[in-house]
Amino acid sequence: MKRNMVMGIAIALGMLSTGAVSASAAIAAEGACFDKASEQQYRQETAALADAVRVKEMQLSELLGYDSRIIEARQLETEIKELKDRIGVAAKKHDIRDCCHD
């Protein structure tokens, strides 16, 4: 139980740090990746999706930390993938390169 809780916390911290790294990389390469108008439209269009991904990733890390609800964890993983796919579609629509979106 204690090990599972530690693993859940580690996963949550990993997910949070990955988001911060990708955001900082996008800011650093901003000029090379997109124009301001496309970036603003993309952010507006995907803000709710990105928030939903973060919430579901936190829920998933909690479930994995308690090893009792594997079915729920798998369902959340599927939902996260679908949300990220939708974000990818919006990125292509606004001509945002892969390195520059969440």
PDB file of N, CA and C in Angstrom:
ATOM      1  N   MET A   1       0.832  -1.189   0.000  1.00  0.00           N
ATOM      2  CA  MET A   1       0.000   0.000   0.000  1.00  0.00           C
ATOM      3  C   MET A   1       0.875   1.251   0.000  1.00  0.00           C
ATOM      4  N   LYS A   2       1.872   1.268   0.878  1.00  0.00           N
ATOM      5  CA  LYS A   2       2.754   2.416   0.989  1.00  0.00           C
ATOM      6  C   LYS A   2       3.531   2.615  -0.320  1.00  0.00           C
ATOM      7  N   ARG A   3       3.990   1.502  -0.897  1.00  0.00           N
ATOM      8  CA  ARG A   3       4.722   1.561  -2.161  1.00  0.00           C
ATOM      9  C   ARG A   3       3.840   2.119  -3.270  1.00  0.00           C
ATOM     10  N   ASN A   4       2.595   1.684  -3.317  1.00  0.00           N
ATOM     11  CA  ASN A   4       1.667   2.161  -4.343  1.00  0.00           C
ATOM     12  C   ASN A   4       1.411   3.656  -4.202  1.00  0.00           C
ATOM     13  N   MET A   5       1.315   4.129  -2.980  1.00  0.00           N
ATOM     14  CA  MET A   5       1.085   5.553  -2.754  1.00  0.00           C
ATOM     15  C   MET A   5       2.294   6.352  -3.247  1.00  0.00           C
ATOM     16  N   VAL A   6       3.483   5.861  -2.962  1.00  0.00           N
ATOM     17  CA  VAL A   6       4.700   6.531  -3.417  1.00  0.00           C
ATOM     18  C   VAL A   6       4.746   6.553  -4.943  1.00  0.00           C
ATOM     19  N   MET A   7       4.393   5.439  -5.556  1.00  0.00           N
ATOM     20  CA  MET A   7       4.375   5.371  -7.020  1.00  0.00           C
ATOM     21  C   MET A   7       3.358   6.359  -7.599  1.00  0.00           C
ATOM     22  N   GLY A   8       2.201   6.467  -6.988  1.00  0.00           N
ATOM     23  CA  GLY A   8       1.179   7.409  -7.449  1.00  0.00           C
ATOM     24  C   GLY A   8       1.666   8.842  -7.380  1.00  0.00           C
ATOM     25  N   ILE A   9       2.317   9.174  -6.300  1.00  0.00           N
ATOM     26  CA  ILE A   9       2.857  10.529  -6.143  1.00  0.00           C
ATOM     27  C   ILE A   9       3.940  10.784  -7.184  1.00  0.00           C
ATOM     28  N   ALA A  10       4.809   9.798  -7.402  1.00  0.00           N
ATOM     29  CA  ALA A  10       5.873   9.945  -8.398  1.00  0.00           C
ATOM     30  C   ALA A  10       5.302  10.154  -9.788  1.00  0.00           C
ATOM     31  N   ILE A  11       4.256   9.411 -10.116  1.00  0.00           N
ATOM     32  CA  ILE A  11       3.621   9.555 -11.433  1.00  0.00           C
ATOM     33  C   ILE A  11       3.018  10.944 -11.571  1.00  0.00           C
ATOM     34  N   ALA A  12       2.333  11.408 -10.538  1.00  0.00           N
ATOM     35  CA  ALA A  12       1.712  12.734 -10.581  1.00  0.00           C
ATOM     36  C   ALA A  12       2.763  13.816 -10.773  1.00  0.00           C
ATOM     37  N   LEU A  13       3.859  13.728 -10.034  1.00  0.00           N
ATOM     38  CA  LEU A  13       4.920  14.720 -10.171  1.00  0.00           C
ATOM     39  C   LEU A  13       5.551  14.660 -11.560  1.00  0.00           C
ATOM     40  N   GLY A  14       5.699  13.471 -12.086  1.00  0.00           N
ATOM     41  CA  GLY A  14       6.243  13.319 -13.436  1.00  0.00           C
ATOM     42  C   GLY A  14       5.368  13.969 -14.477  1.00  0.00           C
ATOM     43  N   MET A  15       4.058  13.782 -14.353  1.00  0.00           N
ATOM     44  CA  MET A  15       3.124  14.380 -15.304  1.00  0.00           C
ATOM     45  C   MET A  15       3.159  15.902 -15.217  1.00  0.00           C
ATOM     46  N   LEU A  16       3.198  16.424 -14.002  1.00  0.00           N
ATOM     47  CA  LEU A  16       3.238  17.865 -13.832  1.00  0.00           C
ATOM     48  C   LEU A  16       4.525  18.455 -14.394  1.00  0.00           C
ATOM     49  N   SER A  17       5.648  17.801 -14.151  1.00  0.00           N
ATOM     50  CA  SER A  17       6.915  18.323 -14.653  1.00  0.00           C
ATOM     51  C   SER A  17       6.981  18.237 -16.173  1.00  0.00           C
ATOM     52  N   THR A  18       6.405  17.197 -16.768  1.00  0.00           N
ATOM     53  CA  THR A  18       6.384  17.076 -18.224  1.00  0.00           C
ATOM     54  C   THR A  18       5.606  18.231 -18.844  1.00  0.00           C
ATOM     55  N   GLY A  19       4.482  18.589 -18.241  1.00  0.00           N
ATOM     56  CA  GLY A  19       3.695  19.718 -18.741  1.00  0.00           C
ATOM     57  C   GLY A  19       4.461  21.019 -18.663  1.00  0.00           C
ATOM     58  N   ALA A  20       5.181  21.220 -17.575  1.00  0.00           N
ATOM     59  CA  ALA A  20       5.957  22.445 -17.407  1.00  0.00           C
ATOM     60  C   ALA A  20       7.097  22.510 -18.418  1.00  0.00           C
ATOM     61  N   VAL A  21       7.751  21.389 -18.661  1.00  0.00           N
ATOM     62  CA  VAL A  21       8.855  21.360 -19.619  1.00  0.00           C
ATOM     63  C   VAL A  21       8.353  21.639 -21.025  1.00  0.00           C
ATOM     64  N   SER A  22       7.239  21.021 -21.412  1.00  0.00           N
ATOM     65  CA  SER A  22       6.731  21.250 -22.767  1.00  0.00           C
ATOM     66  C   SER A  22       6.263  22.689 -22.943  1.00  0.00           C
ATOM     67  N   ALA A  23       5.675  23.263 -21.899  1.00  0.00           N
ATOM     68  CA  ALA A  23       5.239  24.654 -21.979  1.00  0.00           C
ATOM     69  C   ALA A  23       6.436  25.586 -22.109  1.00  0.00           C
ATOM     70  N   SER A  24       7.491  25.351 -21.344  1.00  0.00           N
ATOM     71  CA  SER A  24       8.659  26.213 -21.420  1.00  0.00           C
ATOM     72  C   SER A  24       9.375  26.046 -22.758  1.00  0.00           C
ATOM     73  N   ALA A  25       9.387  24.835 -23.303  1.00  0.00           N
ATOM     74  CA  ALA A  25      10.000  24.609 -24.611  1.00  0.00           C
ATOM     75  C   ALA A  25       9.227  25.350 -25.694  1.00  0.00           C
ATOM     76  N   ALA A  26       7.917  25.340 -25.591  1.00  0.00           N
ATOM     77  CA  ALA A  26       7.090  26.039 -26.576  1.00  0.00           C
ATOM     78  C   ALA A  26       7.327  27.540 -26.505  1.00  0.00           C
ATOM     79  N   ILE A  27       7.466  28.076 -25.300  1.00  0.00           N
ATOM     80  CA  ILE A  27       7.711  29.509 -25.144  1.00  0.00           C
ATOM     81  C   ILE A  27       9.080  29.866 -25.709  1.00  0.00           C
ATOM     82  N   ALA A  28      10.085  29.032 -25.471  1.00  0.00           N
ATOM     83  CA  ALA A  28      11.437  29.303 -25.956  1.00  0.00           C
ATOM     84  C   ALA A  28      11.499  29.294 -27.477  1.00  0.00           C
ATOM     85  N   ALA A  29      10.729  28.420 -28.099  1.00  0.00           N
ATOM     86  CA  ALA A  29      10.764  28.290 -29.554  1.00  0.00           C
ATOM     87  C   ALA A  29       9.597  28.997 -30.222  1.00  0.00           C
ATOM     88  N   GLU A  30       8.952  29.883 -29.511  1.00  0.00           N
ATOM     89  CA  GLU A  30       7.721  30.505 -29.976  1.00  0.00           C
ATOM     90  C   GLU A  30       7.818  31.075 -31.382  1.00  0.00           C
ATOM     91  N   GLY A  31       8.860  31.825 -31.669  1.00  0.00           N
ATOM     92  CA  GLY A  31       8.980  32.445 -32.979  1.00  0.00           C
ATOM     93  C   GLY A  31       9.090  31.425 -34.096  1.00  0.00           C
ATOM     94  N   ALA A  32       9.691  30.289 -33.832  1.00  0.00           N
ATOM     95  CA  ALA A  32       9.913  29.287 -34.863  1.00  0.00           C
ATOM     96  C   ALA A  32       8.702  28.406 -35.103  1.00  0.00           C
ATOM     97  N   CYS A  33       7.788  28.337 -34.180  1.00  0.00           N
ATOM     98  CA  CYS A  33       6.706  27.362 -34.257  1.00  0.00           C
ATOM     99  C   CYS A  33       5.401  27.900 -34.846  1.00  0.00           C
ATOM    100  N   PHE A  34       5.071  29.142 -34.586  1.00  0.00           N
ATOM    101  CA  PHE A  34       3.756  29.608 -34.984  1.00  0.00           C
ATOM    102  C   PHE A  34       3.699  31.128 -34.963  1.00  0.00           C
ATOM    103  N   ASP A  35       2.687  31.648 -35.631  1.00  0.00           N
ATOM    104  CA  ASP A  35       2.473  33.086 -35.547  1.00  0.00           C
ATOM    105  C   ASP A  35       1.512  33.371 -34.400  1.00  0.00           C
ATOM    106  N   LYS A  36       1.491  34.601 -33.942  1.00  0.00           N
ATOM    107  CA  LYS A  36       0.710  34.976 -32.749  1.00  0.00           C
ATOM    108  C   LYS A  36      -0.785  34.717 -32.923  1.00  0.00           C
ATOM    109  N   ALA A  37      -1.331  35.004 -34.083  1.00  0.00           N
ATOM    110  CA  ALA A  37      -2.774  34.824 -34.286  1.00  0.00           C
ATOM    111  C   ALA A  37      -3.151  33.344 -34.208  1.00  0.00           C
ATOM    112  N   SER A  38      -2.360  32.489 -34.856  1.00  0.00           N
ATOM    113  CA  SER A  38      -2.640  31.051 -34.806  1.00  0.00           C
ATOM    114  C   SER A  38      -2.499  30.524 -33.394  1.00  0.00           C
ATOM    115  N   GLU A  39      -1.456  30.990 -32.704  1.00  0.00           N
ATOM    116  CA  GLU A  39      -1.219  30.542 -31.331  1.00  0.00           C
ATOM    117  C   GLU A  39      -2.389  30.913 -30.427  1.00  0.00           C
ATOM    118  N   GLN A  40      -2.889  32.129 -30.565  1.00  0.00           N
ATOM    119  CA  GLN A  40      -4.006  32.574 -29.727  1.00  0.00           C
ATOM    120  C   GLN A  40      -5.269  31.772 -30.024  1.00  0.00           C
ATOM    121  N   GLN A  41      -5.566  31.540 -31.283  1.00  0.00           N
ATOM    122  CA  GLN A  41      -6.749  30.752 -31.646  1.00  0.00           C
ATOM    123  C   GLN A  41      -6.623  29.327 -31.126  1.00  0.00           C
ATOM    124  N   TYR A  42      -5.427  28.756 -31.294  1.00  0.00           N
ATOM    125  CA  TYR A  42      -5.177  27.395 -30.823  1.00  0.00           C
ATOM    126  C   TYR A  42      -5.367  27.307 -29.312  1.00  0.00           C
ATOM    127  N   ARG A  43      -4.799  28.237 -28.562  1.00  0.00           N
ATOM    128  CA  ARG A  43      -4.917  28.218 -27.094  1.00  0.00           C
ATOM    129  C   ARG A  43      -6.377  28.342 -26.659  1.00  0.00           C
ATOM    130  N   GLN A  44      -7.120  29.239 -27.314  1.00  0.00           N
ATOM    131  CA  GLN A  44      -8.529  29.406 -26.968  1.00  0.00           C
ATOM    132  C   GLN A  44      -9.317  28.131 -27.259  1.00  0.00           C
ATOM    133  N   GLU A  45      -9.029  27.524 -28.395  1.00  0.00           N
ATOM    134  CA  GLU A  45      -9.773  26.336 -28.816  1.00  0.00           C
ATOM    135  C   GLU A  45      -9.452  25.115 -27.952  1.00  0.00           C
ATOM    136  N   THR A  46      -8.229  25.026 -27.451  1.00  0.00           N
ATOM    137  CA  THR A  46      -7.820  23.822 -26.727  1.00  0.00           C
ATOM    138  C   THR A  46      -7.694  24.010 -25.221  1.00  0.00           C
ATOM    139  N   ALA A  47      -7.968  25.181 -24.693  1.00  0.00           N
ATOM    140  CA  ALA A  47      -7.802  25.427 -23.256  1.00  0.00           C
ATOM    141  C   ALA A  47      -8.635  24.452 -22.419  1.00  0.00           C
ATOM    142  N   ALA A  48      -9.884  24.280 -22.773  1.00  0.00           N
ATOM    143  CA  ALA A  48     -10.750  23.373 -22.011  1.00  0.00           C
ATOM    144  C   ALA A  48     -10.265  21.925 -22.129  1.00  0.00           C
ATOM    145  N   LEU A  49      -9.797  21.539 -23.310  1.00  0.00           N
ATOM    146  CA  LEU A  49      -9.288  20.177 -23.497  1.00  0.00           C
ATOM    147  C   LEU A  49      -8.025  19.952 -22.666  1.00  0.00           C
ATOM    148  N   ALA A  50      -7.120  20.917 -22.674  1.00  0.00           N
ATOM    149  CA  ALA A  50      -5.883  20.782 -21.897  1.00  0.00           C
ATOM    150  C   ALA A  50      -6.194  20.713 -20.403  1.00  0.00           C
ATOM    151  N   ASP A  51      -7.142  21.512 -19.945  1.00  0.00           N
ATOM    152  CA  ASP A  51      -7.550  21.443 -18.537  1.00  0.00           C
ATOM    153  C   ASP A  51      -8.136  20.074 -18.205  1.00  0.00           C
ATOM    154  N   ALA A  52      -8.952  19.546 -19.107  1.00  0.00           N
ATOM    155  CA  ALA A  52      -9.553  18.227 -18.884  1.00  0.00           C
ATOM    156  C   ALA A  52      -8.478  17.146 -18.816  1.00  0.00           C
ATOM    157  N   VAL A  53      -7.454  17.263 -19.673  1.00  0.00           N
ATOM    158  CA  VAL A  53      -6.351  16.295 -19.642  1.00  0.00           C
ATOM    159  C   VAL A  53      -5.662  16.345 -18.280  1.00  0.00           C
ATOM    160  N   ARG A  54      -5.352  17.542 -17.799  1.00  0.00           N
ATOM    161  CA  ARG A  54      -4.671  17.677 -16.508  1.00  0.00           C
ATOM    162  C   ARG A  54      -5.500  17.086 -15.368  1.00  0.00           C
ATOM    163  N   VAL A  55      -6.792  17.344 -15.357  1.00  0.00           N
ATOM    164  CA  VAL A  55      -7.664  16.813 -14.304  1.00  0.00           C
ATOM    165  C   VAL A  55      -7.679  15.293 -14.352  1.00  0.00           C
ATOM    166  N   LYS A  56      -7.843  14.736 -15.555  1.00  0.00           N
ATOM    167  CA  LYS A  56      -7.904  13.278 -15.694  1.00  0.00           C
ATOM    168  C   LYS A  56      -6.559  12.630 -15.353  1.00  0.00           C
ATOM    169  N   GLU A  57      -5.447  13.284 -15.686  1.00  0.00           N
ATOM    170  CA  GLU A  57      -4.142  12.740 -15.318  1.00  0.00           C
ATOM    171  C   GLU A  57      -3.971  12.708 -13.800  1.00  0.00           C
ATOM    172  N   MET A  58      -4.477  13.722 -13.124  1.00  0.00           N
ATOM    173  CA  MET A  58      -4.409  13.727 -11.655  1.00  0.00           C
ATOM    174  C   MET A  58      -5.289  12.618 -11.079  1.00  0.00           C
ATOM    175  N   GLN A  59      -6.484  12.449 -11.627  1.00  0.00           N
ATOM    176  CA  GLN A  59      -7.367  11.372 -11.182  1.00  0.00           C
ATOM    177  C   GLN A  59      -6.717  10.018 -11.418  1.00  0.00           C
ATOM    178  N   LEU A  60      -6.087   9.870 -12.583  1.00  0.00           N
ATOM    179  CA  LEU A  60      -5.423   8.622 -12.918  1.00  0.00           C
ATOM    180  C   LEU A  60      -4.294   8.321 -11.947  1.00  0.00           C
ATOM    181  N   SER A  61      -3.507   9.314 -11.605  1.00  0.00           N
ATOM    182  CA  SER A  61      -2.400   9.075 -10.680  1.00  0.00           C
ATOM    183  C   SER A  61      -2.927   8.663  -9.309  1.00  0.00           C
ATOM    184  N   GLU A  62      -4.070   9.211  -8.901  1.00  0.00           N
ATOM    185  CA  GLU A  62      -4.666   8.799  -7.636  1.00  0.00           C
ATOM    186  C   GLU A  62      -5.127   7.339  -7.692  1.00  0.00           C
ATOM    187  N   LEU A  63      -5.778   6.960  -8.792  1.00  0.00           N
ATOM    188  CA  LEU A  63      -6.244   5.582  -8.931  1.00  0.00           C
ATOM    189  C   LEU A  63      -5.081   4.599  -8.941  1.00  0.00           C
ATOM    190  N   LEU A  64      -4.037   4.929  -9.662  1.00  0.00           N
ATOM    191  CA  LEU A  64      -2.891   4.034  -9.736  1.00  0.00           C
ATOM    192  C   LEU A  64      -2.185   3.929  -8.390  1.00  0.00           C
ATOM    193  N   GLY A  65      -2.290   4.960  -7.590  1.00  0.00           N
ATOM    194  CA  GLY A  65      -1.663   4.942  -6.275  1.00  0.00           C
ATOM    195  C   GLY A  65      -2.359   4.018  -5.293  1.00  0.00           C
ATOM    196  N   TYR A  66      -3.589   3.645  -5.541  1.00  0.00           N
ATOM    197  CA  TYR A  66      -4.340   2.794  -4.608  1.00  0.00           C
ATOM    198  C   TYR A  66      -4.609   1.397  -5.144  1.00  0.00           C
ATOM    199  N   ASP A  67      -4.146   1.077  -6.304  1.00  0.00           N
ATOM    200  CA  ASP A  67      -4.211  -0.212  -7.005  1.00  0.00           C
ATOM    201  C   ASP A  67      -5.506  -0.997  -6.842  1.00  0.00           C
ATOM    202  N   SER A  68      -6.611  -0.345  -6.607  1.00  0.00           N
ATOM    203  CA  SER A  68      -7.857  -1.071  -6.444  1.00  0.00           C
ATOM    204  C   SER A  68      -8.840  -0.832  -7.588  1.00  0.00           C
ATOM    205  N   ARG A  69      -8.570   0.150  -8.415  1.00  0.00           N
ATOM    206  CA  ARG A  69      -9.537   0.502  -9.448  1.00  0.00           C
ATOM    207  C   ARG A  69      -8.886   0.536 -10.823  1.00  0.00           C
ATOM    208  N   ILE A  70      -8.346  -0.578 -11.257  1.00  0.00           N
ATOM    209  CA  ILE A  70      -7.633  -0.671 -12.526  1.00  0.00           C
ATOM    210  C   ILE A  70      -8.550  -0.369 -13.708  1.00  0.00           C
ATOM    211  N   ILE A  71      -9.786  -0.817 -13.655  1.00  0.00           N
ATOM    212  CA  ILE A  71     -10.715  -0.569 -14.765  1.00  0.00           C
ATOM    213  C   ILE A  71     -10.947   0.927 -14.933  1.00  0.00           C
ATOM    214  N   GLU A  72     -11.137   1.638 -13.829  1.00  0.00           N
ATOM    215  CA  GLU A  72     -11.311   3.088 -13.906  1.00  0.00           C
ATOM    216  C   GLU A  72     -10.055   3.748 -14.439  1.00  0.00           C
ATOM    217  N   ALA A  73      -8.900   3.254 -14.030  1.00  0.00           N
ATOM    218  CA  ALA A  73      -7.639   3.816 -14.495  1.00  0.00           C
ATOM    219  C   ALA A  73      -7.504   3.649 -16.000  1.00  0.00           C
ATOM    220  N   ARG A  74      -7.831   2.483 -16.511  1.00  0.00           N
ATOM    221  CA  ARG A  74      -7.752   2.245 -17.953  1.00  0.00           C
ATOM    222  C   ARG A  74      -8.724   3.139 -18.714  1.00  0.00           C
ATOM    223  N   GLN A  75      -9.908   3.329 -18.164  1.00  0.00           N
ATOM    224  CA  GLN A  75     -10.889   4.193 -18.805  1.00  0.00           C
ATOM    225  C   GLN A  75     -10.358   5.637 -18.863  1.00  0.00           C
ATOM    226  N   LEU A  76      -9.757   6.101 -17.768  1.00  0.00           N
ATOM    227  CA  LEU A  76      -9.189   7.441 -17.758  1.00  0.00           C
ATOM    228  C   LEU A  76      -8.035   7.565 -18.749  1.00  0.00           C
ATOM    229  N   GLU A  77      -7.206   6.542 -18.861  1.00  0.00           N
ATOM    230  CA  GLU A  77      -6.122   6.569 -19.833  1.00  0.00           C
ATOM    231  C   GLU A  77      -6.673   6.735 -21.246  1.00  0.00           C
ATOM    232  N   THR A  78      -7.755   6.037 -21.551  1.00  0.00           N
ATOM    233  CA  THR A  78      -8.390   6.133 -22.864  1.00  0.00           C
ATOM    234  C   THR A  78      -8.933   7.541 -23.096  1.00  0.00           C
ATOM    235  N   GLU A  79      -9.586   8.101 -22.075  1.00  0.00           N
ATOM    236  CA  GLU A  79     -10.138   9.457 -22.200  1.00  0.00           C
ATOM    237  C   GLU A  79      -9.024  10.485 -22.391  1.00  0.00           C
ATOM    238  N   ILE A  80      -7.910  10.314 -21.682  1.00  0.00           N
ATOM    239  CA  ILE A  80      -6.774  11.230 -21.825  1.00  0.00           C
ATOM    240  C   ILE A  80      -6.229  11.168 -23.249  1.00  0.00           C
ATOM    241  N   LYS A  81      -6.087   9.963 -23.793  1.00  0.00           N
ATOM    242  CA  LYS A  81      -5.581   9.810 -25.157  1.00  0.00           C
ATOM    243  C   LYS A  81      -6.517  10.485 -26.156  1.00  0.00           C
ATOM    244  N   GLU A  82      -7.822  10.307 -25.980  1.00  0.00           N
ATOM    245  CA  GLU A  82      -8.787  10.928 -26.888  1.00  0.00           C
ATOM    246  C   GLU A  82      -8.702  12.446 -26.820  1.00  0.00           C
ATOM    247  N   LEU A  83      -8.572  13.006 -25.614  1.00  0.00           N
ATOM    248  CA  LEU A  83      -8.444  14.463 -25.471  1.00  0.00           C
ATOM    249  C   LEU A  83      -7.159  14.966 -26.121  1.00  0.00           C
ATOM    250  N   LYS A  84      -6.064  14.256 -25.913  1.00  0.00           N
ATOM    251  CA  LYS A  84      -4.795  14.664 -26.527  1.00  0.00           C
ATOM    252  C   LYS A  84      -4.869  14.566 -28.048  1.00  0.00           C
ATOM    253  N   ASP A  85      -5.567  13.567 -28.558  1.00  0.00           N
ATOM    254  CA  ASP A  85      -5.758  13.455 -30.009  1.00  0.00           C
ATOM    255  C   ASP A  85      -6.529  14.660 -30.540  1.00  0.00           C
ATOM    256  N   ARG A  86      -7.554  15.098 -29.815  1.00  0.00           N
ATOM    257  CA  ARG A  86      -8.334  16.268 -30.225  1.00  0.00           C
ATOM    258  C   ARG A  86      -7.471  17.525 -30.201  1.00  0.00           C
ATOM    259  N   ILE A  87      -6.590  17.626 -29.208  1.00  0.00           N
ATOM    260  CA  ILE A  87      -5.670  18.763 -29.142  1.00  0.00           C
ATOM    261  C   ILE A  87      -4.733  18.729 -30.350  1.00  0.00           C
ATOM    262  N   GLY A  88      -4.267  17.531 -30.718  1.00  0.00           N
ATOM    263  CA  GLY A  88      -3.404  17.391 -31.890  1.00  0.00           C
ATOM    264  C   GLY A  88      -4.093  17.808 -33.177  1.00  0.00           C
ATOM    265  N   VAL A  89      -5.368  17.472 -33.307  1.00  0.00           N
ATOM    266  CA  VAL A  89      -6.132  17.874 -34.488  1.00  0.00           C
ATOM    267  C   VAL A  89      -6.224  19.394 -34.559  1.00  0.00           C
ATOM    268  N   ALA A  90      -6.477  20.037 -33.415  1.00  0.00           N
ATOM    269  CA  ALA A  90      -6.556  21.497 -33.386  1.00  0.00           C
ATOM    270  C   ALA A  90      -5.199  22.112 -33.725  1.00  0.00           C
ATOM    271  N   ALA A  91      -4.120  21.495 -33.260  1.00  0.00           N
ATOM    272  CA  ALA A  91      -2.780  22.001 -33.563  1.00  0.00           C
ATOM    273  C   ALA A  91      -2.519  21.961 -35.070  1.00  0.00           C
ATOM    274  N   LYS A  92      -2.897  20.852 -35.711  1.00  0.00           N
ATOM    275  CA  LYS A  92      -2.719  20.752 -37.164  1.00  0.00           C
ATOM    276  C   LYS A  92      -3.570  21.792 -37.882  1.00  0.00           C
ATOM    277  N   LYS A  93      -4.783  21.988 -37.401  1.00  0.00           N
ATOM    278  CA  LYS A  93      -5.699  22.948 -38.011  1.00  0.00           C
ATOM    279  C   LYS A  93      -5.105  24.350 -38.003  1.00  0.00           C
ATOM    280  N   HIS A  94      -4.406  24.696 -36.903  1.00  0.00           N
ATOM    281  CA  HIS A  94      -3.823  26.032 -36.757  1.00  0.00           C
ATOM    282  C   HIS A  94      -2.342  26.051 -37.127  1.00  0.00           C
ATOM    283  N   ASP A  95      -1.864  24.954 -37.742  1.00  0.00           N
ATOM    284  CA  ASP A  95      -0.488  24.850 -38.213  1.00  0.00           C
ATOM    285  C   ASP A  95       0.519  25.055 -37.079  1.00  0.00           C
ATOM    286  N   ILE A  96       0.224  24.427 -35.926  1.00  0.00           N
ATOM    287  CA  ILE A  96       1.120  24.456 -34.769  1.00  0.00           C
ATOM    288  C   ILE A  96       1.946  23.180 -34.824  1.00  0.00           C
ATOM    289  N   ARG A  97       3.264  23.298 -34.820  1.00  0.00           N
ATOM    290  CA  ARG A  97       4.129  22.114 -34.874  1.00  0.00           C
ATOM    291  C   ARG A  97       4.022  21.316 -33.599  1.00  0.00           C
ATOM    292  N   ASP A  98       4.344  20.017 -33.685  1.00  0.00           N
ATOM    293  CA  ASP A  98       4.258  19.102 -32.533  1.00  0.00           C
ATOM    294  C   ASP A  98       5.057  19.585 -31.334  1.00  0.00           C
ATOM    295  N   CYS A  99       6.177  20.226 -31.565  1.00  0.00           N
ATOM    296  CA  CYS A  99       7.016  20.670 -30.454  1.00  0.00           C
ATOM    297  C   CYS A  99       6.395  21.805 -29.663  1.00  0.00           C
ATOM    298  N   CYS A 100       5.329  22.386 -30.182  1.00  0.00           N
ATOM    299  CA  CYS A 100       4.803  23.620 -29.596  1.00  0.00           C
ATOM    300  C   CYS A 100       3.428  23.497 -28.974  1.00  0.00           C
ATOM    301  N   HIS A 101       2.899  22.292 -28.862  1.00  0.00           N
ATOM    302  CA  HIS A 101       1.582  22.189 -28.226  1.00  0.00           C
ATOM    303  C   HIS A 101       1.626  21.160 -27.113  1.00  0.00           C
ATOM    304  N   ASP A 102       0.623  21.244 -26.229  1.00  0.00           N
ATOM    305  CA  ASP A 102       0.546  20.379 -25.045  1.00  0.00           C
ATOM    306  C   ASP A 102       0.213  18.972 -25.420  1.00  0.00           C
TER     307      ASP A 102
END
